[in-house]
PDB file of all heavy atoms in Angstrom:
ATOM      1  N   ARG A   1       0.832  -1.200   0.009  1.00  0.00           N
ATOM      2  CA  ARG A   1       0.001  -0.007   0.005  1.00  0.00           C
ATOM      3  C   ARG A   1       0.862   1.266   0.008  1.00  0.00           C
ATOM      4  O   ARG A   1       0.749   2.176   0.802  1.00  0.00           O
ATOM      5  CB  ARG A   1      -0.943  -0.023   1.211  1.00  0.00           C
ATOM      6  CG  ARG A   1      -1.905   1.135   1.361  1.00  0.00           C
ATOM      7  CD  ARG A   1      -2.807   1.300   0.180  1.00  0.00           C
ATOM      8  NE  ARG A   1      -3.965   0.426   0.188  1.00  0.00           N
ATOM      9  CZ  ARG A   1      -5.013   0.594  -0.604  1.00  0.00           C
ATOM     10  NH1 ARG A   1      -5.041   1.579  -1.466  1.00  0.00           N
ATOM     11  NH2 ARG A   1      -6.016  -0.246  -0.581  1.00  0.00           N
ATOM     12  N   ILE A   2       1.836   1.303  -0.917  1.00  0.00           N
ATOM     13  CA  ILE A   2       2.748   2.452  -1.015  1.00  0.00           C
ATOM     14  C   ILE A   2       1.987   3.570  -1.704  1.00  0.00           C
ATOM     15  O   ILE A   2       1.598   3.476  -2.863  1.00  0.00           O
ATOM     16  CB  ILE A   2       4.003   2.056  -1.812  1.00  0.00           C
ATOM     17  CG1 ILE A   2       4.713   0.877  -1.118  1.00  0.00           C
ATOM     18  CG2 ILE A   2       4.952   3.247  -1.916  1.00  0.00           C
ATOM     19  CD1 ILE A   2       5.847   0.306  -1.907  1.00  0.00           C
ATOM     20  N   THR A   3       1.785   4.685  -0.956  1.00  0.00           N
ATOM     21  CA  THR A   3       0.896   5.756  -1.425  1.00  0.00           C
ATOM     22  C   THR A   3       1.607   7.105  -1.380  1.00  0.00           C
ATOM     23  O   THR A   3       1.919   7.597  -0.278  1.00  0.00           O
ATOM     24  CB  THR A   3      -0.375   5.837  -0.544  1.00  0.00           C
ATOM     25  OG1 THR A   3      -0.979   4.544  -0.483  1.00  0.00           O
ATOM     26  CG2 THR A   3      -1.356   6.855  -1.109  1.00  0.00           C
ATOM     27  N   PRO A   4       1.939   7.699  -2.535  1.00  0.00           N
ATOM     28  CA  PRO A   4       2.455   9.087  -2.515  1.00  0.00           C
ATOM     29  C   PRO A   4       1.425  10.013  -1.916  1.00  0.00           C
ATOM     30  O   PRO A   4       0.229   9.916  -2.235  1.00  0.00           O
ATOM     31  CB  PRO A   4       2.721   9.375  -3.994  1.00  0.00           C
ATOM     32  CG  PRO A   4       2.809   8.034  -4.661  1.00  0.00           C
ATOM     33  CD  PRO A   4       1.878   7.135  -3.898  1.00  0.00           C
ATOM     34  N   ALA A   5       1.846  10.943  -1.077  1.00  0.00           N
ATOM     35  CA  ALA A   5       0.893  11.762  -0.315  1.00  0.00           C
ATOM     36  C   ALA A   5       0.714  13.131  -0.925  1.00  0.00           C
ATOM     37  O   ALA A   5       0.678  14.152  -0.219  1.00  0.00           O
ATOM     38  CB  ALA A   5       1.375  11.892   1.135  1.00  0.00           C
ATOM     39  N   GLY A   6       0.645  13.235  -2.230  1.00  0.00           N
ATOM     40  CA  GLY A   6       0.375  14.509  -2.861  1.00  0.00           C
ATOM     41  C   GLY A   6       1.601  15.420  -2.905  1.00  0.00           C
ATOM     42  O   GLY A   6       1.500  16.592  -2.572  1.00  0.00           O
ATOM     43  N   HIS A   7       2.773  14.876  -3.311  1.00  0.00           N
ATOM     44  CA  HIS A   7       4.004  15.664  -3.258  1.00  0.00           C
ATOM     45  C   HIS A   7       3.996  16.805  -4.261  1.00  0.00           C
ATOM     46  O   HIS A   7       4.545  17.867  -3.997  1.00  0.00           O
ATOM     47  CB  HIS A   7       5.207  14.755  -3.520  1.00  0.00           C
ATOM     48  CG  HIS A   7       6.502  15.458  -3.340  1.00  0.00           C
ATOM     49  ND1 HIS A   7       7.216  16.015  -4.386  1.00  0.00           N
ATOM     50  CD2 HIS A   7       7.217  15.743  -2.220  1.00  0.00           C
ATOM     51  CE1 HIS A   7       8.306  16.571  -3.929  1.00  0.00           C
ATOM     52  NE2 HIS A   7       8.356  16.423  -2.624  1.00  0.00           N
ATOM     53  N   LYS A   8       3.338  16.617  -5.409  1.00  0.00           N
ATOM     54  CA  LYS A   8       3.420  17.648  -6.440  1.00  0.00           C
ATOM     55  C   LYS A   8       2.631  18.905  -6.055  1.00  0.00           C
ATOM     56  O   LYS A   8       3.105  20.024  -6.278  1.00  0.00           O
ATOM     57  CB  LYS A   8       2.894  17.085  -7.768  1.00  0.00           C
ATOM     58  CG  LYS A   8       3.827  16.058  -8.382  1.00  0.00           C
ATOM     59  CD  LYS A   8       3.347  15.581  -9.738  1.00  0.00           C
ATOM     60  CE  LYS A   8       4.306  14.576 -10.356  1.00  0.00           C
ATOM     61  NZ  LYS A   8       3.844  14.102 -11.665  1.00  0.00           N
ATOM     62  N   ASP A   9       1.436  18.743  -5.515  1.00  0.00           N
ATOM     63  CA  ASP A   9       0.651  19.920  -5.160  1.00  0.00           C
ATOM     64  C   ASP A   9       0.617  20.181  -3.656  1.00  0.00           C
ATOM     65  O   ASP A   9      -0.076  21.074  -3.209  1.00  0.00           O
ATOM     66  CB  ASP A   9      -0.782  19.751  -5.709  1.00  0.00           C
ATOM     67  CG  ASP A   9      -1.437  18.493  -5.186  1.00  0.00           C
ATOM     68  OD1 ASP A   9      -0.824  17.801  -4.369  1.00  0.00           O
ATOM     69  OD2 ASP A   9      -2.583  18.211  -5.612  1.00  0.00           O
ATOM     70  N   LYS A  10       1.361  19.370  -2.864  1.00  0.00           N
ATOM     71  CA  LYS A  10       1.436  19.515  -1.415  1.00  0.00           C
ATOM     72  C   LYS A  10       0.105  19.292  -0.690  1.00  0.00           C
ATOM     73  O   LYS A  10      -0.018  19.606   0.482  1.00  0.00           O
ATOM     74  CB  LYS A  10       1.965  20.915  -1.049  1.00  0.00           C
ATOM     75  CG  LYS A  10       3.288  21.282  -1.710  1.00  0.00           C
ATOM     76  CD  LYS A  10       4.409  20.352  -1.328  1.00  0.00           C
ATOM     77  CE  LYS A  10       5.692  20.734  -2.016  1.00  0.00           C
ATOM     78  NZ  LYS A  10       6.774  19.802  -1.754  1.00  0.00           N
ATOM     79  N   ALA A  11      -0.879  18.743  -1.373  1.00  0.00           N
ATOM     80  CA  ALA A  11      -2.183  18.514  -0.726  1.00  0.00           C
ATOM     81  C   ALA A  11      -2.113  17.273   0.156  1.00  0.00           C
ATOM     82  O   ALA A  11      -1.647  16.222  -0.281  1.00  0.00           O
ATOM     83  CB  ALA A  11      -3.268  18.338  -1.798  1.00  0.00           C
ATOM     84  N   LEU A  12      -2.563  17.393   1.375  1.00  0.00           N
ATOM     85  CA  LEU A  12      -2.643  16.265   2.322  1.00  0.00           C
ATOM     86  C   LEU A  12      -1.278  15.650   2.576  1.00  0.00           C
ATOM     87  O   LEU A  12      -1.190  14.444   2.814  1.00  0.00           O
ATOM     88  CB  LEU A  12      -3.637  15.221   1.796  1.00  0.00           C
ATOM     89  CG  LEU A  12      -5.072  15.691   1.556  1.00  0.00           C
ATOM     90  CD1 LEU A  12      -5.882  14.560   0.992  1.00  0.00           C
ATOM     91  CD2 LEU A  12      -5.708  16.225   2.825  1.00  0.00           C
ATOM     92  N   GLU A  13      -0.225  16.450   2.538  1.00  0.00           N
ATOM     93  CA  GLU A  13       1.096  15.879   2.733  1.00  0.00           C
ATOM     94  C   GLU A  13       1.417  15.752   4.219  1.00  0.00           C
ATOM     95  O   GLU A  13       1.855  14.682   4.700  1.00  0.00           O
ATOM     96  CB  GLU A  13       2.141  16.735   2.045  1.00  0.00           C
ATOM     97  CG  GLU A  13       3.532  16.148   2.095  1.00  0.00           C
ATOM     98  CD  GLU A  13       4.527  16.950   1.298  1.00  0.00           C
ATOM     99  OE1 GLU A  13       4.143  17.621   0.342  1.00  0.00           O
ATOM    100  OE2 GLU A  13       5.725  16.894   1.648  1.00  0.00           O
ATOM    101  N   TYR A  14       1.237  16.809   4.992  1.00  0.00           N
ATOM    102  CA  TYR A  14       1.470  16.804   6.443  1.00  0.00           C
ATOM    103  C   TYR A  14       2.834  16.242   6.796  1.00  0.00           C
ATOM    104  O   TYR A  14       2.950  15.355   7.646  1.00  0.00           O
ATOM    105  CB  TYR A  14       0.364  16.042   7.154  1.00  0.00           C
ATOM    106  CG  TYR A  14      -0.996  16.659   6.976  1.00  0.00           C
ATOM    107  CD1 TYR A  14      -1.934  16.073   6.135  1.00  0.00           C
ATOM    108  CD2 TYR A  14      -1.368  17.838   7.628  1.00  0.00           C
ATOM    109  CE1 TYR A  14      -3.197  16.613   5.970  1.00  0.00           C
ATOM    110  CE2 TYR A  14      -2.614  18.414   7.431  1.00  0.00           C
ATOM    111  CZ  TYR A  14      -3.512  17.807   6.623  1.00  0.00           C
ATOM    112  OH  TYR A  14      -4.754  18.350   6.418  1.00  0.00           O
ATOM    113  N   GLY A  15       3.885  16.732   6.146  1.00  0.00           N
ATOM    114  CA  GLY A  15       5.249  16.352   6.512  1.00  0.00           C
ATOM    115  C   GLY A  15       5.749  15.077   5.887  1.00  0.00           C
ATOM    116  O   GLY A  15       6.871  14.664   6.158  1.00  0.00           O
ATOM    117  N   LYS A  16       4.937  14.376   5.094  1.00  0.00           N
ATOM    118  CA  LYS A  16       5.414  13.123   4.483  1.00  0.00           C
ATOM    119  C   LYS A  16       5.123  13.150   2.989  1.00  0.00           C
ATOM    120  O   LYS A  16       4.109  13.674   2.528  1.00  0.00           O
ATOM    121  CB  LYS A  16       4.752  11.904   5.159  1.00  0.00           C
ATOM    122  CG  LYS A  16       3.226  11.906   5.070  1.00  0.00           C
ATOM    123  CD  LYS A  16       2.647  10.741   5.871  1.00  0.00           C
ATOM    124  CE  LYS A  16       1.142  10.855   5.977  1.00  0.00           C
ATOM    125  NZ  LYS A  16       0.696  12.030   6.744  1.00  0.00           N
ATOM    126  N   ASP A  17       6.029  12.538   2.235  1.00  0.00           N
ATOM    127  CA  ASP A  17       5.881  12.422   0.790  1.00  0.00           C
ATOM    128  C   ASP A  17       5.192  11.105   0.430  1.00  0.00           C
ATOM    129  O   ASP A  17       4.505  11.009  -0.604  1.00  0.00           O
ATOM    130  CB  ASP A  17       7.229  12.504   0.091  1.00  0.00           C
ATOM    131  CG  ASP A  17       7.884  13.858   0.313  1.00  0.00           C
ATOM    132  OD1 ASP A  17       7.169  14.863   0.254  1.00  0.00           O
ATOM    133  OD2 ASP A  17       9.087  13.909   0.550  1.00  0.00           O
ATOM    134  N   VAL A  18       5.430  10.058   1.225  1.00  0.00           N
ATOM    135  CA  VAL A  18       4.923   8.719   0.956  1.00  0.00           C
ATOM    136  C   VAL A  18       4.536   8.083   2.278  1.00  0.00           C
ATOM    137  O   VAL A  18       5.207   8.309   3.292  1.00  0.00           O
ATOM    138  CB  VAL A  18       5.982   7.831   0.242  1.00  0.00           C
ATOM    139  CG1 VAL A  18       5.441   6.435  -0.037  1.00  0.00           C
ATOM    140  CG2 VAL A  18       6.477   8.496  -1.026  1.00  0.00           C
ATOM    141  N   TRP A  19       3.474   7.303   2.304  1.00  0.00           N
ATOM    142  CA  TRP A  19       3.229   6.416   3.439  1.00  0.00           C
ATOM    143  C   TRP A  19       3.016   5.005   2.915  1.00  0.00           C
ATOM    144  O   TRP A  19       2.632   4.824   1.773  1.00  0.00           O
ATOM    145  CB  TRP A  19       2.033   6.900   4.291  1.00  0.00           C
ATOM    146  CG  TRP A  19       0.664   6.724   3.721  1.00  0.00           C
ATOM    147  CD1 TRP A  19      -0.048   7.625   2.988  1.00  0.00           C
ATOM    148  CD2 TRP A  19      -0.166   5.550   3.815  1.00  0.00           C
ATOM    149  NE1 TRP A  19      -1.262   7.101   2.637  1.00  0.00           N
ATOM    150  CE2 TRP A  19      -1.370   5.839   3.136  1.00  0.00           C
ATOM    151  CE3 TRP A  19      -0.019   4.303   4.418  1.00  0.00           C
ATOM    152  CZ2 TRP A  19      -2.417   4.915   3.020  1.00  0.00           C
ATOM    153  CZ3 TRP A  19      -1.059   3.378   4.301  1.00  0.00           C
ATOM    154  CH2 TRP A  19      -2.244   3.694   3.623  1.00  0.00           C
ATOM    155  N   MET A  20       3.276   4.027   3.772  1.00  0.00           N
ATOM    156  CA  MET A  20       3.215   2.620   3.338  1.00  0.00           C
ATOM    157  C   MET A  20       3.048   1.744   4.579  1.00  0.00           C
ATOM    158  O   MET A  20       3.158   2.226   5.721  1.00  0.00           O
ATOM    159  CB  MET A  20       4.484   2.241   2.576  1.00  0.00           C
ATOM    160  CG  MET A  20       5.760   2.488   3.367  1.00  0.00           C
ATOM    161  SD  MET A  20       7.193   2.525   2.337  1.00  0.00           S
ATOM    162  CE  MET A  20       8.470   2.875   3.570  1.00  0.00           C
ATOM    163  N   ARG A  21       2.844   0.463   4.346  1.00  0.00           N
ATOM    164  CA  ARG A  21       2.679  -0.469   5.458  1.00  0.00           C
ATOM    165  C   ARG A  21       3.543  -1.701   5.198  1.00  0.00           C
ATOM    166  O   ARG A  21       3.818  -2.056   4.045  1.00  0.00           O
ATOM    167  CB  ARG A  21       1.214  -0.853   5.641  1.00  0.00           C
ATOM    168  CG  ARG A  21       0.462  -1.111   4.371  1.00  0.00           C
ATOM    169  CD  ARG A  21      -1.015  -1.302   4.580  1.00  0.00           C
ATOM    170  NE  ARG A  21      -1.295  -2.661   5.026  1.00  0.00           N
ATOM    171  CZ  ARG A  21      -2.496  -3.103   5.365  1.00  0.00           C
ATOM    172  NH1 ARG A  21      -3.510  -2.258   5.368  1.00  0.00           N
ATOM    173  NH2 ARG A  21      -2.677  -4.337   5.741  1.00  0.00           N
ATOM    174  N   TYR A  22       3.901  -2.354   6.303  1.00  0.00           N
ATOM    175  CA  TYR A  22       4.743  -3.565   6.192  1.00  0.00           C
ATOM    176  C   TYR A  22       4.161  -4.621   7.111  1.00  0.00           C
ATOM    177  O   TYR A  22       4.092  -4.457   8.339  1.00  0.00           O
ATOM    178  CB  TYR A  22       6.197  -3.265   6.607  1.00  0.00           C
ATOM    179  CG  TYR A  22       7.146  -4.417   6.325  1.00  0.00           C
ATOM    180  CD1 TYR A  22       7.693  -4.571   5.053  1.00  0.00           C
ATOM    181  CD2 TYR A  22       7.450  -5.342   7.294  1.00  0.00           C
ATOM    182  CE1 TYR A  22       8.544  -5.635   4.771  1.00  0.00           C
ATOM    183  CE2 TYR A  22       8.307  -6.395   7.034  1.00  0.00           C
ATOM    184  CZ  TYR A  22       8.838  -6.553   5.777  1.00  0.00           C
ATOM    185  OH  TYR A  22       9.700  -7.604   5.494  1.00  0.00           O
ATOM    186  N   PRO A  23       3.712  -5.779   6.534  1.00  0.00           N
ATOM    187  CA  PRO A  23       3.132  -6.835   7.373  1.00  0.00           C
ATOM    188  C   PRO A  23       4.203  -7.682   8.032  1.00  0.00           C
ATOM    189  O   PRO A  23       5.178  -8.101   7.407  1.00  0.00           O
ATOM    190  CB  PRO A  23       2.330  -7.660   6.350  1.00  0.00           C
ATOM    191  CG  PRO A  23       3.040  -7.452   5.040  1.00  0.00           C
ATOM    192  CD  PRO A  23       3.616  -6.057   5.107  1.00  0.00           C
ATOM    193  N   LEU A  24       4.036  -7.937   9.306  1.00  0.00           N
ATOM    194  CA  LEU A  24       4.967  -8.783  10.067  1.00  0.00           C
ATOM    195  C   LEU A  24       4.511 -10.261   9.974  1.00  0.00           C
ATOM    196  O   LEU A  24       3.373 -10.530   9.638  1.00  0.00           O
ATOM    197  CB  LEU A  24       4.995  -8.354  11.527  1.00  0.00           C
ATOM    198  CG  LEU A  24       5.501  -6.930  11.790  1.00  0.00           C
ATOM    199  CD1 LEU A  24       5.348  -6.608  13.291  1.00  0.00           C
ATOM    200  CD2 LEU A  24       6.944  -6.768  11.365  1.00  0.00           C
ATOM    201  N   PRO A  25       5.410 -11.212  10.246  1.00  0.00           N
ATOM    202  CA  PRO A  25       5.014 -12.626  10.220  1.00  0.00           C
ATOM    203  C   PRO A  25       3.863 -12.950  11.152  1.00  0.00           C
ATOM    204  O   PRO A  25       3.157 -13.936  10.947  1.00  0.00           O
ATOM    205  CB  PRO A  25       6.298 -13.357  10.628  1.00  0.00           C
ATOM    206  CG  PRO A  25       7.412 -12.436  10.278  1.00  0.00           C
ATOM    207  CD  PRO A  25       6.846 -11.065  10.480  1.00  0.00           C
ATOM    208  N   THR A  26       3.664 -12.141  12.169  1.00  0.00           N
ATOM    209  CA  THR A  26       2.571 -12.371  13.128  1.00  0.00           C
ATOM    210  C   THR A  26       1.232 -11.793  12.644  1.00  0.00           C
ATOM    211  O   THR A  26       0.258 -11.795  13.372  1.00  0.00           O
ATOM    212  CB  THR A  26       2.897 -11.713  14.480  1.00  0.00           C
ATOM    213  OG1 THR A  26       3.134 -10.307  14.274  1.00  0.00           O
ATOM    214  CG2 THR A  26       4.138 -12.350  15.098  1.00  0.00           C
ATOM    215  N   GLN A  27       1.237 -11.229  11.394  1.00  0.00           N
ATOM    216  CA  GLN A  27       0.063 -10.614  10.776  1.00  0.00           C
ATOM    217  C   GLN A  27      -0.221  -9.221  11.336  1.00  0.00           C
ATOM    218  O   GLN A  27      -1.224  -8.611  10.959  1.00  0.00           O
ATOM    219  CB  GLN A  27      -1.180 -11.506  10.896  1.00  0.00           C
ATOM    220  CG  GLN A  27      -1.018 -12.896  10.311  1.00  0.00           C
ATOM    221  CD  GLN A  27      -0.563 -12.877   8.867  1.00  0.00           C
ATOM    222  OE1 GLN A  27      -1.126 -12.190   8.044  1.00  0.00           O
ATOM    223  NE2 GLN A  27       0.489 -13.633   8.580  1.00  0.00           N
ATOM    224  N   HIS A  28       0.622  -8.702  12.252  1.00  0.00           N
ATOM    225  CA  HIS A  28       0.537  -7.309  12.617  1.00  0.00           C
ATOM    226  C   HIS A  28       1.085  -6.449  11.507  1.00  0.00           C
ATOM    227  O   HIS A  28       1.882  -6.912  10.675  1.00  0.00           O
ATOM    228  CB  HIS A  28       1.261  -7.055  13.931  1.00  0.00           C
ATOM    229  CG  HIS A  28       0.697  -7.772  15.135  1.00  0.00           C
ATOM    230  ND1 HIS A  28       1.019  -9.065  15.430  1.00  0.00           N
ATOM    231  CD2 HIS A  28      -0.205  -7.397  16.045  1.00  0.00           C
ATOM    232  CE1 HIS A  28       0.369  -9.446  16.521  1.00  0.00           C
ATOM    233  NE2 HIS A  28      -0.406  -8.436  16.898  1.00  0.00           N
ATOM    234  N   VAL A  29       0.734  -5.175  11.510  1.00  0.00           N
ATOM    235  CA  VAL A  29       1.143  -4.270  10.434  1.00  0.00           C
ATOM    236  C   VAL A  29       1.799  -3.033  11.045  1.00  0.00           C
ATOM    237  O   VAL A  29       1.299  -2.460  12.016  1.00  0.00           O
ATOM    238  CB  VAL A  29      -0.074  -3.839   9.566  1.00  0.00           C
ATOM    239  CG1 VAL A  29       0.344  -2.801   8.555  1.00  0.00           C
ATOM    240  CG2 VAL A  29      -0.659  -5.056   8.876  1.00  0.00           C
ATOM    241  N   LEU A  30       2.954  -2.626  10.488  1.00  0.00           N
ATOM    242  CA  LEU A  30       3.646  -1.404  10.849  1.00  0.00           C
ATOM    243  C   LEU A  30       3.422  -0.379   9.730  1.00  0.00           C
ATOM    244  O   LEU A  30       3.490  -0.725   8.539  1.00  0.00           O
ATOM    245  CB  LEU A  30       5.114  -1.622  11.069  1.00  0.00           C
ATOM    246  CG  LEU A  30       5.538  -2.502  12.247  1.00  0.00           C
ATOM    247  CD1 LEU A  30       7.036  -2.629  12.308  1.00  0.00           C
ATOM    248  CD2 LEU A  30       5.002  -1.946  13.563  1.00  0.00           C
ATOM    249  N   TYR A  31       3.221   0.881  10.134  1.00  0.00           N
ATOM    250  CA  TYR A  31       3.029   1.949   9.150  1.00  0.00           C
ATOM    251  C   TYR A  31       4.263   2.852   9.132  1.00  0.00           C
ATOM    252  O   TYR A  31       4.843   3.156  10.174  1.00  0.00           O
ATOM    253  CB  TYR A  31       1.783   2.770   9.502  1.00  0.00           C
ATOM    254  CG  TYR A  31       0.487   2.001   9.271  1.00  0.00           C
ATOM    255  CD1 TYR A  31      -0.044   1.208  10.263  1.00  0.00           C
ATOM    256  CD2 TYR A  31      -0.164   2.083   8.032  1.00  0.00           C
ATOM    257  CE1 TYR A  31      -1.216   0.471  10.057  1.00  0.00           C
ATOM    258  CE2 TYR A  31      -1.348   1.367   7.836  1.00  0.00           C
ATOM    259  CZ  TYR A  31      -1.871   0.572   8.838  1.00  0.00           C
ATOM    260  OH  TYR A  31      -3.009  -0.155   8.616  1.00  0.00           O
ATOM    261  N   PHE A  32       4.632   3.266   7.914  1.00  0.00           N
ATOM    262  CA  PHE A  32       5.821   4.083   7.743  1.00  0.00           C
ATOM    263  C   PHE A  32       5.476   5.327   6.928  1.00  0.00           C
ATOM    264  O   PHE A  32       4.640   5.273   6.026  1.00  0.00           O
ATOM    265  CB  PHE A  32       6.907   3.309   6.965  1.00  0.00           C
ATOM    266  CG  PHE A  32       7.460   2.124   7.719  1.00  0.00           C
ATOM    267  CD1 PHE A  32       6.797   0.921   7.721  1.00  0.00           C
ATOM    268  CD2 PHE A  32       8.662   2.218   8.386  1.00  0.00           C
ATOM    269  CE1 PHE A  32       7.302  -0.171   8.417  1.00  0.00           C
ATOM    270  CE2 PHE A  32       9.185   1.120   9.078  1.00  0.00           C
ATOM    271  CZ  PHE A  32       8.495  -0.073   9.089  1.00  0.00           C
ATOM    272  N   GLY A  33       6.117   6.441   7.252  1.00  0.00           N
ATOM    273  CA  GLY A  33       6.030   7.644   6.477  1.00  0.00           C
ATOM    274  C   GLY A  33       7.424   7.986   5.979  1.00  0.00           C
ATOM    275  O   GLY A  33       8.432   7.636   6.601  1.00  0.00           O
ATOM    276  N   ILE A  34       7.494   8.665   4.828  1.00  0.00           N
ATOM    277  CA  ILE A  34       8.769   9.026   4.233  1.00  0.00           C
ATOM    278  C   ILE A  34       8.810  10.504   3.926  1.00  0.00           C
ATOM    279  O   ILE A  34       7.858  11.032   3.348  1.00  0.00           O
ATOM    280  CB  ILE A  34       9.049   8.211   2.932  1.00  0.00           C
ATOM    281  CG1 ILE A  34       9.260   6.746   3.244  1.00  0.00           C
ATOM    282  CG2 ILE A  34      10.256   8.769   2.198  1.00  0.00           C
ATOM    283  CD1 ILE A  34       9.508   5.909   2.014  1.00  0.00           C
ATOM    284  N   GLN A  35       9.871  11.184   4.336  1.00  0.00           N
ATOM    285  CA  GLN A  35      10.146  12.542   3.884  1.00  0.00           C
ATOM    286  C   GLN A  35      11.415  12.481   3.063  1.00  0.00           C
ATOM    287  O   GLN A  35      12.480  12.074   3.532  1.00  0.00           O
ATOM    288  CB  GLN A  35      10.349  13.475   5.064  1.00  0.00           C
ATOM    289  CG  GLN A  35      10.655  14.906   4.679  1.00  0.00           C
ATOM    290  CD  GLN A  35       9.613  15.545   3.758  1.00  0.00           C
ATOM    291  OE1 GLN A  35       9.937  16.077   2.717  1.00  0.00           O
ATOM    292  NE2 GLN A  35       8.350  15.437   4.124  1.00  0.00           N
ATOM    293  N   ALA A  36      11.304  12.822   1.761  1.00  0.00           N
ATOM    294  CA  ALA A  36      12.417  12.654   0.820  1.00  0.00           C
ATOM    295  C   ALA A  36      12.926  14.016   0.342  1.00  0.00           C
ATOM    296  O   ALA A  36      12.124  14.901   0.060  1.00  0.00           O
ATOM    297  CB  ALA A  36      11.979  11.812  -0.382  1.00  0.00           C
ATOM    298  N   LYS A  37      14.247  14.136   0.277  1.00  0.00           N
ATOM    299  CA  LYS A  37      14.904  15.323  -0.248  1.00  0.00           C
ATOM    300  C   LYS A  37      15.937  14.858  -1.248  1.00  0.00           C
ATOM    301  O   LYS A  37      16.652  13.876  -1.042  1.00  0.00           O
ATOM    302  CB  LYS A  37      15.585  16.123   0.870  1.00  0.00           C
ATOM    303  CG  LYS A  37      14.627  16.622   1.955  1.00  0.00           C
ATOM    304  CD  LYS A  37      13.612  17.630   1.410  1.00  0.00           C
ATOM    305  CE  LYS A  37      12.680  18.105   2.505  1.00  0.00           C
ATOM    306  NZ  LYS A  37      11.613  18.988   1.951  1.00  0.00           N
ATOM    307  N   ARG A  38      16.060  15.577  -2.357  1.00  0.00           N
ATOM    308  CA  ARG A  38      16.988  15.131  -3.422  1.00  0.00           C
ATOM    309  C   ARG A  38      18.445  15.492  -3.105  1.00  0.00           C
ATOM    310  O   ARG A  38      19.344  14.837  -3.632  1.00  0.00           O
ATOM    311  CB  ARG A  38      16.618  15.747  -4.737  1.00  0.00           C
ATOM    312  CG  ARG A  38      16.841  17.246  -4.868  1.00  0.00           C
ATOM    313  CD  ARG A  38      16.705  17.714  -6.312  1.00  0.00           C
ATOM    314  NE  ARG A  38      17.687  17.087  -7.170  1.00  0.00           N
ATOM    315  CZ  ARG A  38      18.909  17.566  -7.379  1.00  0.00           C
ATOM    316  NH1 ARG A  38      19.324  18.670  -6.749  1.00  0.00           N
ATOM    317  NH2 ARG A  38      19.751  16.937  -8.161  1.00  0.00           N
TER     318      ARG A  38
END
């Protein structure tokens, strides 16, 4: 569920460019946000 958070127009970004999730072997899920700079 890798989702760009509106980087081009800054809409709904709230400090992150991308959010995503990572499933653990126990079926729990961790959520991650990314702030990227070139």
